[in-house]
Amino acid sequence: MRLYRHLNELEDEPNRAMFEVLKRECAPWLKEAKKFQKGKFLWRGSQSSIKPDPKTGLDAKPVRKGRTPRDIPKNIHRMLDDRMKKKFGWLPRSEGVFATSSFTTAADFGIPYLFFPAGKFKFVYGIERQGGRPISDVLGALDRAGAIIWAQNQYKVDPELSNVDLSVMLDGFVGQFTDKNLAKGVLQGAEIMFNCRYYYLAEQEEGFSISKLIW
């Protein structure tokens, strides 16, 4: 019975080595995380498996710059980035790394891992307005709009959508984004774009361990 109780205590022991790294390298995130709903973590979907440090359980990753868009045409991507830089001072879609508190959304992009931005960071996310169009629907509309503009330029077809109309759509889309109140973005399960020097990924079971040290 004593051995069984001892093994249970070992399983419940939080990963203090990981927490020490987070305190040292991810202090700004840790400060924000204390405002999250208890147990709410950020996730990032990865196409490849991570190689965590045996002691800390963390795998450090660089932030890739010059990101190629997966969901919208390149011209729309550039126009969005230009508008976001004007509003937020950086290029979220090209320079940012995406994460979300939705495990399901992260799984759509690969293996879901816990995500921790290192050092000081900036963030931007889209607000799902009450009664408004979901961000994903707007992206779909922009995709179709970009295809129409491309067809106009390529084949000189009669315009179905003007560049002025597209500009209005883009301005409206960017108007749905904010860089305030990270906890709210986490609560609504938004896709959040982070600007940071690097970040850490960890296996999902580590969340049960370090949650005892965060909340």
Protein backbone atom coordinates (compact mmCIF):
# COMPACT_ATOMS: atom_id res chain seq x y z
CA MET A 1 0.00 0.00 0.00
CA ARG A 2 2.86 2.39 0.85
CA LEU A 3 4.51 1.73 -2.53
CA TYR A 4 1.20 2.32 -4.37
CA ARG A 5 0.70 5.63 -2.52
CA HIS A 6 4.32 6.65 -3.27
CA LEU A 7 3.89 5.94 -7.00
CA ASN A 8 0.70 8.01 -7.07
CA GLU A 9 2.52 10.89 -5.41
CA LEU A 10 5.27 10.71 -8.05
CA GLU A 11 2.68 10.80 -10.84
CA ASP A 12 1.06 13.86 -9.28
CA GLU A 13 4.36 15.67 -8.74
CA PRO A 14 4.42 18.80 -10.93
CA ASN A 15 7.23 19.29 -13.42
CA ARG A 16 9.21 21.88 -11.48
CA ALA A 17 12.10 21.83 -13.97
CA MET A 18 9.72 22.97 -16.71
CA PHE A 19 8.16 25.59 -14.46
CA GLU A 20 11.60 27.03 -13.63
CA VAL A 21 12.32 27.49 -17.35
CA LEU A 22 8.93 29.11 -17.87
CA LYS A 23 9.56 31.48 -14.96
CA ARG A 24 12.95 32.43 -16.38
CA GLU A 25 12.29 32.44 -20.14
CA CYS A 26 8.53 33.00 -20.41
CA ALA A 27 7.79 35.37 -17.51
CA PRO A 28 5.52 37.71 -19.55
CA TRP A 29 3.43 34.72 -20.70
CA LEU A 30 3.26 33.33 -17.17
CA LYS A 31 1.99 36.69 -15.89
CA GLU A 32 -0.77 36.69 -18.53
CA ALA A 33 -1.60 33.01 -18.00
CA LYS A 34 -2.58 33.68 -14.40
CA LYS A 35 -5.46 35.75 -15.84
CA PHE A 36 -6.69 32.90 -18.04
CA GLN A 37 -9.59 30.71 -17.05
CA LYS A 38 -8.08 27.99 -14.85
CA GLY A 39 -6.67 25.17 -16.95
CA LYS A 40 -6.79 27.12 -20.24
CA PHE A 41 -3.58 26.62 -22.19
CA LEU A 42 -2.40 27.72 -25.62
CA TRP A 43 -1.93 25.05 -28.29
CA ARG A 44 -0.06 24.94 -31.57
CA GLY A 45 -0.53 22.29 -34.24
CA SER A 46 2.74 20.92 -35.67
CA GLN A 47 3.27 18.77 -38.75
CA SER A 48 6.24 17.06 -37.08
CA SER A 49 6.91 15.55 -33.66
CA ILE A 50 8.86 17.55 -31.11
CA LYS A 51 12.06 16.50 -29.34
CA PRO A 52 11.58 17.68 -25.77
CA ASP A 53 14.43 18.05 -23.31
CA PRO A 54 14.40 14.94 -21.06
CA LYS A 55 14.50 17.05 -17.90
CA THR A 56 12.25 20.02 -18.70
CA GLY A 57 9.94 18.46 -21.27
CA LEU A 58 10.32 21.58 -23.47
CA ASP A 59 11.42 21.92 -27.09
CA ALA A 60 12.59 25.40 -28.19
CA LYS A 61 11.53 26.56 -31.65
CA PRO A 62 12.56 29.62 -33.70
CA VAL A 63 9.87 31.88 -35.14
CA ARG A 64 9.80 31.57 -38.91
CA LYS A 65 9.75 34.89 -40.75
CA GLY A 66 8.33 35.48 -44.22
CA ARG A 67 5.52 32.98 -43.69
CA THR A 68 3.74 31.74 -46.84
CA PRO A 69 -0.07 31.95 -46.55
CA ARG A 70 -2.05 28.69 -46.61
CA ASP A 71 -5.60 30.01 -46.62
CA ILE A 72 -5.66 33.12 -48.83
CA PRO A 73 -3.95 34.38 -52.05
CA LYS A 74 -0.55 36.04 -51.66
CA ASN A 75 -1.79 39.44 -52.84
CA ILE A 76 -4.52 39.47 -50.19
CA HIS A 77 -1.96 38.29 -47.62
CA ARG A 78 0.31 41.25 -48.42
CA MET A 79 -2.55 43.74 -48.32
CA LEU A 80 -3.69 42.41 -44.96
CA ASP A 81 -0.16 42.57 -43.56
CA ASP A 82 0.24 46.18 -44.71
CA ARG A 83 -2.96 47.19 -42.97
CA MET A 84 -2.10 45.28 -39.80
CA LYS A 85 1.36 46.85 -39.67
CA LYS A 86 -0.25 50.28 -39.90
CA LYS A 87 -2.59 49.39 -37.04
CA PHE A 88 -0.35 47.28 -34.78
CA GLY A 89 3.23 48.20 -35.80
CA TRP A 90 4.27 44.73 -37.03
CA LEU A 91 3.36 42.10 -39.66
CA PRO A 92 1.25 39.50 -37.84
CA ARG A 93 0.57 37.23 -40.81
CA SER A 94 4.20 37.16 -42.03
CA GLU A 95 6.14 37.47 -38.77
CA GLY A 96 3.74 35.88 -36.31
CA VAL A 97 3.45 32.35 -34.96
CA PHE A 98 -0.10 31.06 -34.60
CA ALA A 99 -1.55 29.47 -31.46
CA THR A 100 -5.00 28.97 -29.97
CA SER A 101 -6.66 27.77 -26.78
CA SER A 102 -8.82 25.45 -28.90
CA PHE A 103 -7.31 21.97 -28.94
CA THR A 104 -9.58 21.05 -31.87
CA THR A 105 -8.46 24.01 -33.97
CA ALA A 106 -4.79 23.25 -33.26
CA ALA A 107 -5.37 19.61 -34.28
CA ASP A 108 -6.55 20.82 -37.71
CA PHE A 109 -2.96 21.97 -38.36
CA GLY A 110 -1.09 18.94 -37.00
CA ILE A 111 -0.18 17.39 -33.65
CA PRO A 112 -1.39 19.72 -30.85
CA TYR A 113 1.36 20.78 -28.46
CA LEU A 114 1.36 23.16 -25.52
CA PHE A 115 2.67 26.55 -26.65
CA PHE A 116 4.71 29.03 -24.58
CA PRO A 117 6.03 32.27 -26.17
CA ALA A 118 9.47 33.21 -24.82
CA GLY A 119 10.48 36.68 -23.66
CA LYS A 120 8.47 39.81 -24.31
CA PHE A 121 5.82 39.27 -26.93
CA LYS A 122 3.10 41.02 -28.89
CA PHE A 123 -0.16 39.43 -29.96
CA VAL A 124 -3.12 40.03 -32.26
CA TYR A 125 -6.38 38.12 -32.56
CA GLY A 126 -9.74 38.49 -34.27
CA ILE A 127 -12.82 39.31 -32.21
CA GLU A 128 -15.91 37.23 -32.97
CA ARG A 129 -18.49 40.00 -32.76
CA GLN A 130 -22.02 39.24 -31.57
CA GLY A 131 -24.22 38.91 -34.65
CA GLY A 132 -21.21 39.49 -36.96
CA ARG A 133 -19.61 37.22 -39.53
CA PRO A 134 -17.14 34.65 -38.16
CA ILE A 135 -13.50 35.37 -38.96
CA SER A 136 -13.28 32.13 -40.99
CA ASP A 137 -16.22 33.23 -43.18
CA VAL A 138 -14.57 36.58 -43.85
CA LEU A 139 -11.34 34.82 -44.84
CA GLY A 140 -13.36 32.70 -47.27
CA ALA A 141 -14.90 35.83 -48.77
CA LEU A 142 -11.44 37.39 -49.12
CA ASP A 143 -10.20 34.23 -50.84
CA ARG A 144 -13.01 34.46 -53.39
CA ALA A 145 -12.45 38.21 -53.77
CA GLY A 146 -8.75 37.65 -54.43
CA ALA A 147 -9.57 35.08 -57.10
CA ILE A 148 -11.89 37.53 -58.83
CA ILE A 149 -9.29 40.32 -58.79
CA TRP A 150 -6.69 37.90 -60.16
CA ALA A 151 -9.05 36.85 -62.96
CA GLN A 152 -9.73 40.50 -63.81
CA ASN A 153 -6.02 41.23 -64.15
CA GLN A 154 -5.20 37.98 -65.94
CA TYR A 155 -8.04 37.77 -68.42
CA LYS A 156 -9.35 41.36 -68.50
CA VAL A 157 -12.83 40.11 -67.62
CA ASP A 158 -15.70 42.42 -66.76
CA PRO A 159 -15.25 43.45 -63.15
CA GLU A 160 -17.45 41.65 -60.62
CA LEU A 161 -15.59 43.24 -57.75
CA SER A 162 -13.57 46.44 -57.81
CA ASN A 163 -10.30 47.09 -56.01
CA VAL A 164 -12.19 49.72 -54.03
CA ASP A 165 -14.68 47.08 -52.83
CA LEU A 166 -11.82 44.76 -51.90
CA SER A 167 -10.11 47.56 -49.98
CA VAL A 168 -13.30 48.13 -47.97
CA MET A 169 -13.52 44.40 -47.21
CA LEU A 170 -9.90 44.32 -46.03
CA ASP A 171 -10.33 47.40 -43.85
CA GLY A 172 -13.41 45.84 -42.27
CA PHE A 173 -11.59 42.56 -41.69
CA VAL A 174 -8.59 44.20 -40.00
CA GLY A 175 -11.02 46.25 -37.93
CA GLN A 176 -12.09 43.01 -36.24
CA PHE A 177 -8.61 42.47 -34.76
CA THR A 178 -7.24 43.67 -31.45
CA ASP A 179 -4.00 43.52 -29.46
CA LYS A 180 -5.75 43.99 -26.11
CA ASN A 181 -6.90 41.54 -23.43
CA LEU A 182 -5.15 38.25 -24.26
CA ALA A 183 -7.27 36.41 -21.69
CA LYS A 184 -10.41 37.25 -23.69
CA GLY A 185 -8.89 35.86 -26.88
CA VAL A 186 -7.93 32.70 -25.02
CA LEU A 187 -11.43 32.37 -23.57
CA GLN A 188 -13.11 32.64 -26.98
CA GLY A 189 -10.72 30.11 -28.56
CA ALA A 190 -9.41 32.60 -31.13
CA GLU A 191 -6.44 31.98 -33.39
CA ILE A 192 -3.81 34.28 -31.88
CA MET A 193 -0.77 35.56 -33.77
CA PHE A 194 2.28 36.04 -31.53
CA ASN A 195 5.39 38.10 -32.19
CA CYS A 196 8.20 36.64 -30.05
CA ARG A 197 11.90 35.75 -30.34
CA TYR A 198 11.25 32.01 -30.01
CA TYR A 199 8.80 29.69 -28.30
CA TYR A 200 8.58 26.37 -26.52
CA LEU A 201 6.39 23.36 -27.30
CA ALA A 202 5.56 20.55 -24.87
CA GLU A 203 3.51 17.36 -24.85
CA GLN A 204 -0.11 17.82 -23.82
CA GLU A 205 0.17 15.72 -20.63
CA GLU A 206 2.60 18.28 -19.22
CA GLY A 207 -0.33 20.66 -18.84
CA PHE A 208 -1.78 18.61 -15.98
CA SER A 209 1.56 18.86 -14.20
CA ILE A 210 2.37 22.56 -14.44
CA SER A 211 -1.23 23.75 -14.06
CA LYS A 212 -0.79 23.14 -10.31
CA LEU A 213 2.07 25.64 -10.30
CA ILE A 214 0.31 28.31 -12.39
CA TRP A 215 -3.20 28.49 -10.89
